[in-house]
Every structure is written in structure tokens, then in C-alpha cells.
Amino acid sequence: MRLIQRVAPKSIAQALGEVRVTRKFFENFSGDQVRFLARGFTNPGDHLGQMSSGNRWPYGPVALITPFNFPLEIPALQLMGALYMGNKALLHVDQRVSVVAEQLLRLLHHCGAPPTDVDLLHGPGTTMADVIKAAEPRSTLFTGSQRVAEWLAVETHGKVFLEDAGFDWKILGPDVRDLDYVAWQCDQDAYACSGQKCSAQSILFAHSNWVTAGLLDRITDLATRRKLANLTVGPVLSWTTKSILDHTKRLLQIPGAKLLFGGKPLSGHSIPEVYGAVEPTAVFVPLEQALLPEHFGVVTTEVFGPFQVVTEWQDSQLPQVLDACERMSHHLTAAVVSNDINFVQHVLGNTVNGTTYVGIRARTTGAPQNHWFGPAGDPRGAGIGTPEAIRLVWSCHREIITDFGPVPPAASLVQS
């Protein structure tokens, strides 16, 4: 846990969460559970002696590339998934945090894992890119930015599984209840780990009933409690302070936009300028303005830091809200905060996000080991953590047809 905090500054609770999820993941696949991952099926043939069997088959040489924001959890779950299905893995973790993966690998060796099963490459992404072009792995799993994901898809001729960008939305339905809890969850989704999660809440569609009830004031109060001293807000590793504040200014130029809170650099620190250091920030943009083509791009730009867009909607505007969700290009996580089953079903029937939480406790963040986590709407979409995810990403289907006889009499053989 302390090593995670050394390289990816996050609170004790957030760092410890990685350790707990990883531990539970190993527990889930203890005993014969790995064997059962590769369970296949058989079908009788169309004559005596013939039978077909469907098998989950390893790719063989594979690569996996993982980001800085979860130095232990993502490499551990994806690497073990690759190994469970019988592959030979080349692992590259963002060089700023890769020491955590190295210690994990040393722990695996200590516990008896064959040293030849995994190659770990430390170094910049450009080096890994050169290796992939030369080695031509049969499949590559990439978790990270959209730009690199699309480059990899071209360079590998489509032999990739991707879990890249996520501009993740949350819709607060018309039924208001449990105000304090919903406010707390909104704050967690947007600002835990300083917003550096691919599942972080990027835009909040708050029904006017919630705004009237004072939800935004409560979120503001929670956000201002976050402090650098306990790392409930901290350094941003992939956006500079200037780039985040410049994006804030661009949004504030939209007619009707206003700063709800934040929008200022953190003070009293020695964080290098190459990183970001800003207060938790929220910008309100009117829904009708956000949907305009000239504004939609900047409104739906994912900021990998403590930043979110907030807008308000009324009953008659639900079609526009759903249209906005459909127009977003990457469909990772989403939340529909409502206990109105008819409302929830309507939203689910008109959206596609791969990991969607619904109900009054719905969230956008949280990638535990007990359910699928991954995008939808893209045939390249990867999953993590569950048997279904492991089979999808780290194995392919192989059909084997056995036909040992008996052989029919020669007199019955006719040319065609």
C-alpha cells in the first residue's frame, strides 16, 4: 500500500482498496477455479464416432499495457487472467509506477510461479511500441488513453482489446431521497483519487428536483473538505495545472456557464509543474448549450483530474439527456440514480455503457473483483476481473472435431 502511495499519490483508503480488490481476486480463483475458466462443451456429430468439442484456447504470446492510476490492481488482474488461460505474457506498466508491478512479479516468483511465464518491460511507452511492432504478439490488452489505443489498433492490425477513455455520465432521476448519501457518492465518483479513474464521474445530469433540494450545495461542501495533507486531493499525473485551468476557462465562455466551485491551483505545496495541482472543480453548463455542436466537444472532453461538468434537466428534457449520452464516443461506466423502475428501464433501454450502475446507490466508480468492468458498443472492448472477462480477453474459441470411425463400407463411397 505504501509503495502505491509513493508512485501514484492517493489517499490511504484508495491505495488500500487496490490491495483488497487484488486479494479478493486471488481468492476467487483459488483451488480448481482456474481450471473451470477453460471449461468447454461437446456436441454429438452427424454419424457414429464423430464428436465436436468447443475449447477456450490461449493465444500464446500476448502483451498487456496498463496505466499509472492503478499500479497494482489493473496489472495484477489482467496479468493473472492472461496466465490463467495459458498465455505467455509481456507486461508493460507506465514507467512512473512500474516498480509496483515488479514487486508483484517477485511475489509471484516467491510463491512458485515459473519465472519464464512473464516478461516485464520497464521503460517508456515508445520502447514498448517498438517491441510490439517487432514481436507481433497475437493479442494485446491496452488500458489507457484513447490516442494510444487507436494507434495500437492500427499497428497491431486490430489484434487488440481496449479499455481506453471514459467520459462517464451520471443521471439523477426525478425521485429525490437520501440526499446526503447521493451527494457523498457524487463527490467520491468525481474526486476520489483526484479524479484519475477511467470511471470517474465526468458529467452530472441533475434533475431540477435535486437542484431544488440543495444537492449542489452539499457537493460543494464535500469538495471543499478535500485536502492535500491527506491526499483526498493531490497531484494529477497526466494533466498540468495550466491545461486544467485553461479547459475550465474554455467551458466558462459558453453562454450561461458558471463556476460552481474550485477553478484554482492548490496552494502550499512543492508539486512539480509537469504535474497538475488544482482544487476539486465543477463547471455548470446549461443543457441546451452543452448539446450545441459548437460546444459538445469541449463539454465532453475527458479531464483526467478532479474536474466535472454539471448540468440541470427537467422532465421534458429527458430525450435531450439521452441524446447526449448516445453522442458520447466511449461508453465505459454510467450511473442512473433513481429507484423509479420505469424511469430506470427507460434510460437503460436507450443507453449502452458497459458497466452501468442503477438505483439510489448507483455510482460510476468502483471496479471491484465481483462484477464485470469494461466498455460496451465496441467490438474491441475489454473486460477485467470476472470469468467472462478473462475468457473474452485472454482466450479464443477453438473447435476440435474427432472422427475415429467406424469407416463406412467402400461400396457406399460415391464421388460428388
Protein backbone atom coordinates (compact mmCIF):
# COMPACT_ATOMS: atom_id res chain seq x y z
CA MET A 1 0.00 0.00 0.00
CA ARG A 2 2.77 2.44 0.91
CA LEU A 3 4.58 1.70 -2.35
CA ILE A 4 1.41 2.52 -4.29
CA GLN A 5 1.22 5.86 -2.46
CA ARG A 6 4.87 6.57 -3.26
CA VAL A 7 4.31 6.43 -7.01
CA ALA A 8 0.61 7.27 -7.52
CA PRO A 9 -0.36 9.69 -4.79
CA LYS A 10 -3.76 8.71 -3.45
CA SER A 11 -5.33 8.50 -0.03
CA ILE A 12 -4.78 5.56 2.28
CA ALA A 13 -8.32 4.34 1.62
CA GLN A 14 -7.86 4.46 -2.15
CA ALA A 15 -4.46 2.71 -2.06
CA LEU A 16 -5.69 0.07 0.35
CA GLY A 17 -8.68 -0.51 -1.92
CA GLU A 18 -6.34 -1.75 -4.65
CA VAL A 19 -4.76 -4.25 -2.27
CA ARG A 20 -8.12 -5.54 -1.06
CA VAL A 21 -9.56 -5.98 -4.55
CA THR A 22 -6.43 -7.82 -5.68
CA ARG A 23 -6.53 -10.11 -2.65
CA LYS A 24 -10.17 -10.98 -3.25
CA PHE A 25 -9.44 -11.61 -6.92
CA PHE A 26 -6.80 -14.20 -5.99
CA GLU A 27 -9.25 -15.77 -3.55
CA ASN A 28 -11.88 -16.01 -6.30
CA PHE A 29 -9.56 -18.08 -8.49
CA SER A 30 -8.12 -20.39 -5.87
CA GLY A 31 -8.46 -24.17 -5.96
CA ASP A 32 -9.87 -25.51 -9.23
CA GLN A 33 -11.47 -22.24 -10.32
CA VAL A 34 -8.74 -21.55 -12.89
CA ARG A 35 -9.36 -24.98 -14.41
CA PHE A 36 -13.07 -24.21 -14.66
CA LEU A 37 -12.30 -20.98 -16.54
CA ALA A 38 -11.38 -23.05 -19.57
CA ARG A 39 -14.48 -25.24 -19.46
CA GLY A 40 -15.67 -26.13 -22.97
CA PHE A 41 -18.55 -28.13 -24.42
CA THR A 42 -19.18 -31.10 -26.67
CA ASN A 43 -21.80 -31.88 -29.32
CA PRO A 44 -22.58 -35.21 -30.95
CA GLY A 45 -21.63 -35.46 -34.61
CA ASP A 46 -23.78 -36.42 -37.58
CA HIS A 47 -22.62 -40.05 -37.74
CA LEU A 48 -21.29 -42.74 -35.42
CA GLY A 49 -17.85 -41.91 -34.00
CA GLN A 50 -17.93 -38.17 -34.70
CA MET A 51 -17.99 -35.56 -31.94
CA SER A 52 -17.17 -31.86 -31.83
CA SER A 53 -15.76 -30.04 -28.82
CA GLY A 54 -15.58 -26.30 -28.27
CA ASN A 55 -12.49 -25.24 -26.37
CA ARG A 56 -11.19 -22.00 -24.89
CA TRP A 57 -7.68 -21.76 -26.29
CA PRO A 58 -4.79 -19.47 -25.33
CA TYR A 59 -3.42 -17.05 -27.89
CA GLY A 60 0.15 -17.86 -26.89
CA PRO A 61 2.41 -14.78 -26.91
CA VAL A 62 0.39 -11.80 -25.66
CA ALA A 63 1.12 -8.29 -24.41
CA LEU A 64 -0.58 -6.13 -21.84
CA ILE A 65 -0.10 -2.41 -21.29
CA THR A 66 -1.50 -0.78 -18.18
CA PRO A 67 -1.62 2.81 -16.87
CA PHE A 68 -0.35 4.72 -13.87
CA ASN A 69 -3.57 5.24 -11.94
CA PHE A 70 -3.94 1.69 -10.57
CA PRO A 71 -0.36 0.43 -10.23
CA LEU A 72 -1.35 -2.87 -8.60
CA GLU A 73 -4.98 -3.71 -9.34
CA ILE A 74 -5.09 -3.45 -13.14
CA PRO A 75 -1.75 -5.19 -13.84
CA ALA A 76 -2.50 -7.93 -11.30
CA LEU A 77 -5.99 -8.77 -12.54
CA GLN A 78 -5.13 -8.63 -16.24
CA LEU A 79 -1.78 -10.39 -15.93
CA MET A 80 -3.23 -13.24 -13.92
CA GLY A 81 -6.11 -13.54 -16.36
CA ALA A 82 -3.60 -13.94 -19.18
CA LEU A 83 -1.68 -16.58 -17.24
CA TYR A 84 -4.80 -18.42 -16.09
CA MET A 85 -5.71 -19.04 -19.74
CA GLY A 86 -2.24 -20.36 -20.58
CA ASN A 87 -0.60 -17.42 -22.35
CA LYS A 88 2.98 -16.18 -22.31
CA ALA A 89 2.73 -12.53 -21.27
CA LEU A 90 4.81 -9.44 -21.90
CA LEU A 91 3.83 -6.82 -19.31
CA HIS A 92 4.42 -3.08 -19.56
CA VAL A 93 3.20 -0.75 -16.84
CA ASP A 94 3.57 3.04 -17.01
CA GLN A 95 7.21 3.61 -16.09
CA ARG A 96 6.29 6.07 -13.34
CA VAL A 97 4.65 3.29 -11.31
CA SER A 98 6.07 0.04 -12.72
CA VAL A 99 8.03 -0.72 -9.56
CA VAL A 100 4.74 -1.90 -8.03
CA ALA A 101 4.26 -4.47 -10.79
CA GLU A 102 7.86 -5.61 -10.34
CA GLN A 103 7.24 -6.29 -6.67
CA LEU A 104 4.06 -8.19 -7.57
CA LEU A 105 6.03 -10.32 -10.01
CA ARG A 106 8.71 -11.02 -7.42
CA LEU A 107 5.97 -12.09 -5.00
CA LEU A 108 4.57 -14.47 -7.64
CA HIS A 109 8.04 -15.97 -8.15
CA HIS A 110 8.41 -16.37 -4.39
CA CYS A 111 5.09 -18.26 -4.34
CA GLY A 112 6.22 -20.66 -7.07
CA ALA A 113 5.26 -19.03 -10.38
CA PRO A 114 7.63 -20.09 -13.19
CA PRO A 115 9.98 -17.15 -13.96
CA THR A 116 9.67 -17.85 -17.68
CA ASP A 117 5.92 -17.19 -17.81
CA VAL A 118 6.10 -13.39 -17.75
CA ASP A 119 8.45 -10.80 -19.19
CA LEU A 120 8.29 -7.37 -17.53
CA LEU A 121 9.49 -4.39 -19.55
CA HIS A 122 10.40 -1.22 -17.66
CA GLY A 123 10.73 1.95 -19.70
CA PRO A 124 8.87 4.49 -21.81
CA GLY A 125 5.86 3.65 -23.91
CA THR A 126 7.83 4.27 -27.10
CA THR A 127 10.09 1.34 -26.22
CA MET A 128 7.09 -0.94 -25.71
CA ALA A 129 5.71 0.26 -29.05
CA ASP A 130 8.92 -0.81 -30.78
CA VAL A 131 8.81 -4.20 -29.07
CA ILE A 132 5.21 -4.79 -30.12
CA LYS A 133 5.99 -3.92 -33.74
CA ALA A 134 8.93 -6.32 -33.75
CA ALA A 135 7.45 -9.16 -31.67
CA GLU A 136 3.92 -9.10 -33.16
CA PRO A 137 2.04 -10.60 -30.19
CA ARG A 138 -1.11 -12.45 -31.14
CA SER A 139 -3.20 -10.22 -28.88
CA THR A 140 -2.58 -7.05 -26.88
CA LEU A 141 -4.61 -5.72 -23.97
CA PHE A 142 -4.37 -1.95 -23.55
CA THR A 143 -5.72 0.16 -20.70
CA GLY A 144 -5.07 3.87 -21.08
CA SER A 145 -5.62 6.86 -23.32
CA GLN A 146 -7.77 6.95 -26.43
CA ARG A 147 -4.92 8.27 -28.58
CA VAL A 148 -2.59 5.37 -27.82
CA ALA A 149 -5.45 2.87 -28.08
CA GLU A 150 -6.27 3.93 -31.62
CA TRP A 151 -2.59 3.86 -32.60
CA LEU A 152 -2.25 0.33 -31.24
CA ALA A 153 -5.35 -0.82 -33.10
CA VAL A 154 -3.73 0.25 -36.37
CA GLU A 155 -0.23 -1.05 -35.59
CA THR A 156 -1.49 -4.49 -34.49
CA HIS A 157 -3.97 -4.76 -37.39
CA GLY A 158 -6.84 -4.86 -34.94
CA LYS A 159 -5.46 -7.58 -32.67
CA VAL A 160 -6.25 -5.62 -29.52
CA PHE A 161 -8.63 -5.44 -26.61
CA LEU A 162 -9.14 -1.90 -25.34
CA GLU A 163 -10.30 -0.24 -22.16
CA ASP A 164 -9.44 3.34 -23.01
CA ALA A 165 -11.17 6.68 -22.50
CA GLY A 166 -14.34 7.06 -20.50
CA PHE A 167 -16.38 10.26 -20.37
CA ASP A 168 -18.69 8.80 -17.78
CA TRP A 169 -22.12 10.21 -17.04
CA LYS A 170 -24.47 10.12 -14.09
CA ILE A 171 -28.18 10.88 -14.39
CA LEU A 172 -30.08 11.82 -11.25
CA GLY A 173 -33.72 10.85 -11.75
CA PRO A 174 -36.76 12.84 -10.61
CA ASP A 175 -37.22 10.97 -7.31
CA VAL A 176 -35.24 12.68 -4.55
CA ARG A 177 -34.27 10.73 -1.44
CA ASP A 178 -31.17 10.00 0.69
CA LEU A 179 -29.73 13.41 -0.20
CA ASP A 180 -26.62 13.15 1.96
CA TYR A 181 -25.68 9.75 0.59
CA VAL A 182 -26.17 10.74 -3.05
CA ALA A 183 -24.10 13.90 -2.51
CA TRP A 184 -21.33 11.85 -0.91
CA GLN A 185 -21.33 9.37 -3.79
CA CYS A 186 -21.20 12.19 -6.35
CA ASP A 187 -18.20 13.64 -4.57
CA GLN A 188 -16.49 10.25 -4.43
CA ASP A 189 -17.15 9.49 -8.09
CA ALA A 190 -15.80 12.82 -9.29
CA TYR A 191 -12.89 13.48 -6.95
CA ALA A 192 -11.59 10.32 -5.24
CA CYS A 193 -8.07 9.55 -6.42
CA SER A 194 -8.10 13.18 -7.63
CA GLY A 195 -10.44 12.15 -10.43
CA GLN A 196 -7.77 9.94 -12.01
CA LYS A 197 -10.01 6.99 -12.79
CA CYS A 198 -11.30 5.98 -16.20
CA SER A 199 -14.63 5.53 -14.42
CA ALA A 200 -14.66 8.96 -12.75
CA GLN A 201 -17.87 10.96 -12.98
CA SER A 202 -17.25 13.35 -15.87
CA ILE A 203 -20.70 14.89 -16.21
CA LEU A 204 -23.64 15.06 -13.81
CA PHE A 205 -27.16 15.40 -15.24
CA ALA A 206 -29.05 16.57 -12.15
CA HIS A 207 -32.85 16.67 -12.30
CA SER A 208 -34.21 20.03 -11.18
CA ASN A 209 -35.78 18.32 -8.15
CA TRP A 210 -32.29 17.51 -6.84
CA VAL A 211 -31.04 21.03 -7.51
CA THR A 212 -34.00 22.49 -5.65
CA ALA A 213 -33.33 20.11 -2.75
CA GLY A 214 -29.83 21.57 -2.36
CA LEU A 215 -27.69 18.73 -3.78
CA LEU A 216 -25.18 21.05 -5.47
CA ASP A 217 -24.60 22.94 -2.22
CA ARG A 218 -23.86 19.68 -0.43
CA ILE A 219 -21.46 18.54 -3.16
CA THR A 220 -19.72 21.91 -2.92
CA ASP A 221 -19.30 21.50 0.83
CA LEU A 222 -17.85 17.99 0.45
CA ALA A 223 -15.44 19.04 -2.30
CA THR A 224 -14.02 21.89 -0.23
CA ARG A 225 -13.17 19.44 2.57
CA ARG A 226 -10.67 17.60 0.38
CA LYS A 227 -7.09 18.37 1.38
CA LEU A 228 -3.63 17.72 0.01
CA ALA A 229 -2.50 16.84 3.53
CA ASN A 230 -4.40 13.52 3.46
CA LEU A 231 -4.25 13.09 -0.33
CA THR A 232 -8.04 13.25 -0.72
CA VAL A 233 -6.95 15.62 -3.48
CA GLY A 234 -3.45 15.55 -4.87
CA PRO A 235 -1.13 15.60 -7.86
CA VAL A 236 -2.53 14.93 -11.33
CA LEU A 237 -0.03 12.93 -13.35
CA SER A 238 -1.29 13.40 -16.92
CA TRP A 239 -2.65 16.98 -16.99
CA THR A 240 -0.78 20.11 -15.91
CA THR A 241 -2.34 22.78 -13.74
CA LYS A 242 -2.37 25.14 -16.69
CA SER A 243 -4.10 22.69 -19.02
CA ILE A 244 -6.88 22.01 -16.48
CA LEU A 245 -7.44 25.70 -15.78
CA ASP A 246 -7.37 26.54 -19.50
CA HIS A 247 -10.06 23.92 -20.09
CA THR A 248 -12.08 25.46 -17.25
CA LYS A 249 -11.85 28.87 -18.92
CA ARG A 250 -13.00 27.45 -22.26
CA LEU A 251 -16.09 26.00 -20.63
CA LEU A 252 -16.84 29.26 -18.82
CA GLN A 253 -17.01 31.03 -22.18
CA ILE A 254 -20.16 29.05 -23.05
CA PRO A 255 -23.26 31.24 -22.57
CA GLY A 256 -24.83 30.60 -19.19
CA ALA A 257 -21.88 28.61 -17.84
CA LYS A 258 -20.68 29.30 -14.32
CA LEU A 259 -18.08 28.03 -11.89
CA LEU A 260 -19.71 26.09 -9.06
CA PHE A 261 -16.50 25.64 -7.07
CA GLY A 262 -12.77 25.18 -7.47
CA GLY A 263 -11.08 26.52 -10.56
CA LYS A 264 -7.94 27.47 -8.65
CA PRO A 265 -4.49 25.91 -8.16
CA LEU A 266 -3.73 24.11 -4.92
CA SER A 267 -1.56 26.16 -2.57
CA GLY A 268 1.17 25.37 -0.10
CA HIS A 269 2.87 22.51 -1.96
CA SER A 270 6.01 21.64 -3.94
CA ILE A 271 4.38 19.58 -6.70
CA PRO A 272 6.46 19.98 -9.91
CA GLU A 273 4.87 21.99 -12.71
CA VAL A 274 4.91 18.98 -15.01
CA TYR A 275 2.00 17.66 -12.95
CA GLY A 276 -1.37 19.17 -12.14
CA ALA A 277 -2.39 20.56 -8.77
CA VAL A 278 -5.88 22.05 -8.72
CA GLU A 279 -8.76 22.22 -6.31
CA PRO A 280 -11.75 19.93 -6.98
CA THR A 281 -13.61 21.80 -9.71
CA ALA A 282 -17.11 21.78 -11.17
CA VAL A 283 -18.43 23.91 -14.03
CA PHE A 284 -22.17 24.26 -14.65
CA VAL A 285 -23.20 24.38 -18.31
CA PRO A 286 -26.86 24.79 -19.35
CA LEU A 287 -28.13 21.65 -21.05
CA GLU A 288 -29.32 23.38 -24.22
CA GLN A 289 -25.90 25.00 -24.64
CA ALA A 290 -23.99 21.79 -23.90
CA LEU A 291 -25.84 19.98 -26.69
CA LEU A 292 -24.96 22.51 -29.39
CA PRO A 293 -22.43 21.11 -31.90
CA GLU A 294 -20.03 24.01 -31.30
CA HIS A 295 -19.94 23.23 -27.56
CA PHE A 296 -20.48 19.49 -27.27
CA GLY A 297 -16.86 18.59 -27.99
CA VAL A 298 -15.36 20.73 -25.24
CA VAL A 299 -18.15 19.82 -22.78
CA THR A 300 -17.46 16.10 -23.28
CA THR A 301 -13.67 16.30 -23.15
CA GLU A 302 -12.41 13.90 -20.50
CA VAL A 303 -10.21 15.66 -17.95
CA PHE A 304 -8.19 13.06 -16.07
CA GLY A 305 -8.22 15.02 -12.86
CA PRO A 306 -10.52 16.46 -10.14
CA PHE A 307 -12.96 18.03 -12.60
CA GLN A 308 -16.55 17.57 -13.70
CA VAL A 309 -19.28 19.25 -15.72
CA VAL A 310 -22.70 19.70 -14.12
CA THR A 311 -25.98 20.44 -15.85
CA GLU A 312 -29.65 20.52 -14.91
CA TRP A 313 -32.61 18.93 -16.67
CA GLN A 314 -36.38 18.79 -16.33
CA ASP A 315 -38.86 16.05 -17.23
CA SER A 316 -39.44 17.35 -20.76
CA GLN A 317 -35.69 17.33 -21.46
CA LEU A 318 -35.04 13.62 -20.86
CA PRO A 319 -34.82 12.91 -24.64
CA GLN A 320 -32.05 15.53 -24.93
CA VAL A 321 -30.19 13.98 -21.99
CA LEU A 322 -30.34 10.53 -23.59
CA ASP A 323 -29.26 12.01 -26.91
CA ALA A 324 -26.19 13.46 -25.21
CA CYS A 325 -25.33 10.07 -23.72
CA GLU A 326 -25.66 8.43 -27.12
CA ARG A 327 -23.46 11.04 -28.83
CA MET A 328 -20.55 10.40 -26.48
CA SER A 329 -17.92 8.30 -28.20
CA HIS A 330 -16.76 6.00 -25.39
CA HIS A 331 -19.23 4.06 -23.30
CA LEU A 332 -17.46 2.78 -20.19
CA THR A 333 -19.33 3.43 -16.94
CA ALA A 334 -22.57 5.21 -16.11
CA ALA A 335 -24.99 5.67 -13.25
CA VAL A 336 -28.76 6.09 -13.13
CA VAL A 337 -29.57 7.33 -9.64
CA SER A 338 -33.22 6.50 -9.13
CA ASN A 339 -35.47 3.93 -7.51
CA ASP A 340 -38.20 4.63 -10.08
CA ILE A 341 -38.14 1.37 -12.01
CA ASN A 342 -39.96 2.77 -15.04
CA PHE A 343 -37.50 5.66 -15.29
CA VAL A 344 -34.52 3.34 -14.87
CA GLN A 345 -35.75 0.93 -17.53
CA HIS A 346 -36.35 3.77 -19.98
CA VAL A 347 -32.79 5.07 -19.52
CA LEU A 348 -31.25 1.60 -19.73
CA GLY A 349 -33.17 0.88 -22.92
CA ASN A 350 -31.72 3.98 -24.56
CA THR A 351 -28.07 3.78 -23.46
CA VAL A 352 -25.19 1.37 -23.98
CA ASN A 353 -22.48 1.85 -21.32
CA GLY A 354 -20.74 -1.41 -20.49
CA THR A 355 -20.74 -1.02 -16.71
CA THR A 356 -23.93 0.73 -15.62
CA TYR A 357 -24.99 1.12 -12.01
CA VAL A 358 -28.66 1.80 -11.25
CA GLY A 359 -30.67 2.54 -8.13
CA ILE A 360 -30.36 5.16 -5.43
CA ARG A 361 -26.85 3.88 -4.58
CA ALA A 362 -25.67 3.99 -8.20
CA ARG A 363 -22.13 5.18 -8.80
CA THR A 364 -19.74 5.46 -11.74
CA THR A 365 -16.53 4.40 -9.98
CA GLY A 366 -15.61 1.17 -8.34
CA ALA A 367 -14.09 -1.70 -10.28
CA PRO A 368 -14.15 -4.49 -7.74
CA GLN A 369 -13.49 -8.16 -8.41
CA ASN A 370 -17.11 -9.27 -8.11
CA HIS A 371 -18.53 -7.94 -11.38
CA TRP A 372 -17.56 -7.19 -14.96
CA PHE A 373 -15.86 -3.87 -15.62
CA GLY A 374 -15.41 -2.69 -19.19
CA PRO A 375 -16.91 -0.70 -22.07
CA ALA A 376 -19.69 -1.67 -24.45
CA GLY A 377 -20.57 -0.72 -28.01
CA ASP A 378 -17.09 -1.50 -29.38
CA PRO A 379 -16.03 -4.98 -30.58
CA ARG A 380 -12.55 -4.23 -29.25
CA GLY A 381 -13.86 -3.61 -25.73
CA ALA A 382 -12.03 -5.41 -22.93
CA GLY A 383 -13.28 -6.57 -19.56
CA ILE A 384 -11.50 -7.23 -16.29
CA GLY A 385 -11.90 -9.32 -13.18
CA THR A 386 -14.59 -11.90 -13.90
CA PRO A 387 -14.53 -15.33 -15.58
CA GLU A 388 -16.40 -13.86 -18.57
CA ALA A 389 -13.87 -11.05 -18.91
CA ILE A 390 -10.89 -13.40 -18.69
CA ARG A 391 -12.31 -15.82 -21.26
CA LEU A 392 -13.13 -12.98 -23.64
CA VAL A 393 -9.80 -11.15 -23.46
CA TRP A 394 -7.31 -13.93 -22.90
CA SER A 395 -8.60 -16.88 -24.90
CA CYS A 396 -10.16 -17.65 -28.25
CA HIS A 397 -12.56 -20.35 -29.39
CA ARG A 398 -11.15 -23.50 -30.97
CA GLU A 399 -13.41 -26.23 -32.32
CA ILE A 400 -11.97 -29.74 -32.48
CA ILE A 401 -13.90 -32.43 -34.35
CA THR A 402 -12.94 -36.00 -33.57
CA ASP A 403 -13.88 -38.66 -36.11
CA PHE A 404 -12.30 -42.05 -35.34
CA GLY A 405 -14.76 -44.26 -37.17
CA PRO A 406 -16.11 -46.77 -37.88
CA VAL A 407 -15.40 -46.14 -41.56
CA PRO A 408 -18.35 -46.86 -43.93
CA PRO A 409 -18.06 -49.76 -46.42
CA ALA A 410 -16.14 -48.92 -49.58
CA ALA A 411 -19.13 -49.79 -51.75
CA SER A 412 -21.09 -46.90 -50.28
CA LEU A 413 -18.48 -44.27 -51.19
CA VAL A 414 -19.66 -42.13 -54.10
CA GLN A 415 -17.76 -39.31 -55.80
CA SER A 416 -19.52 -35.93 -55.99
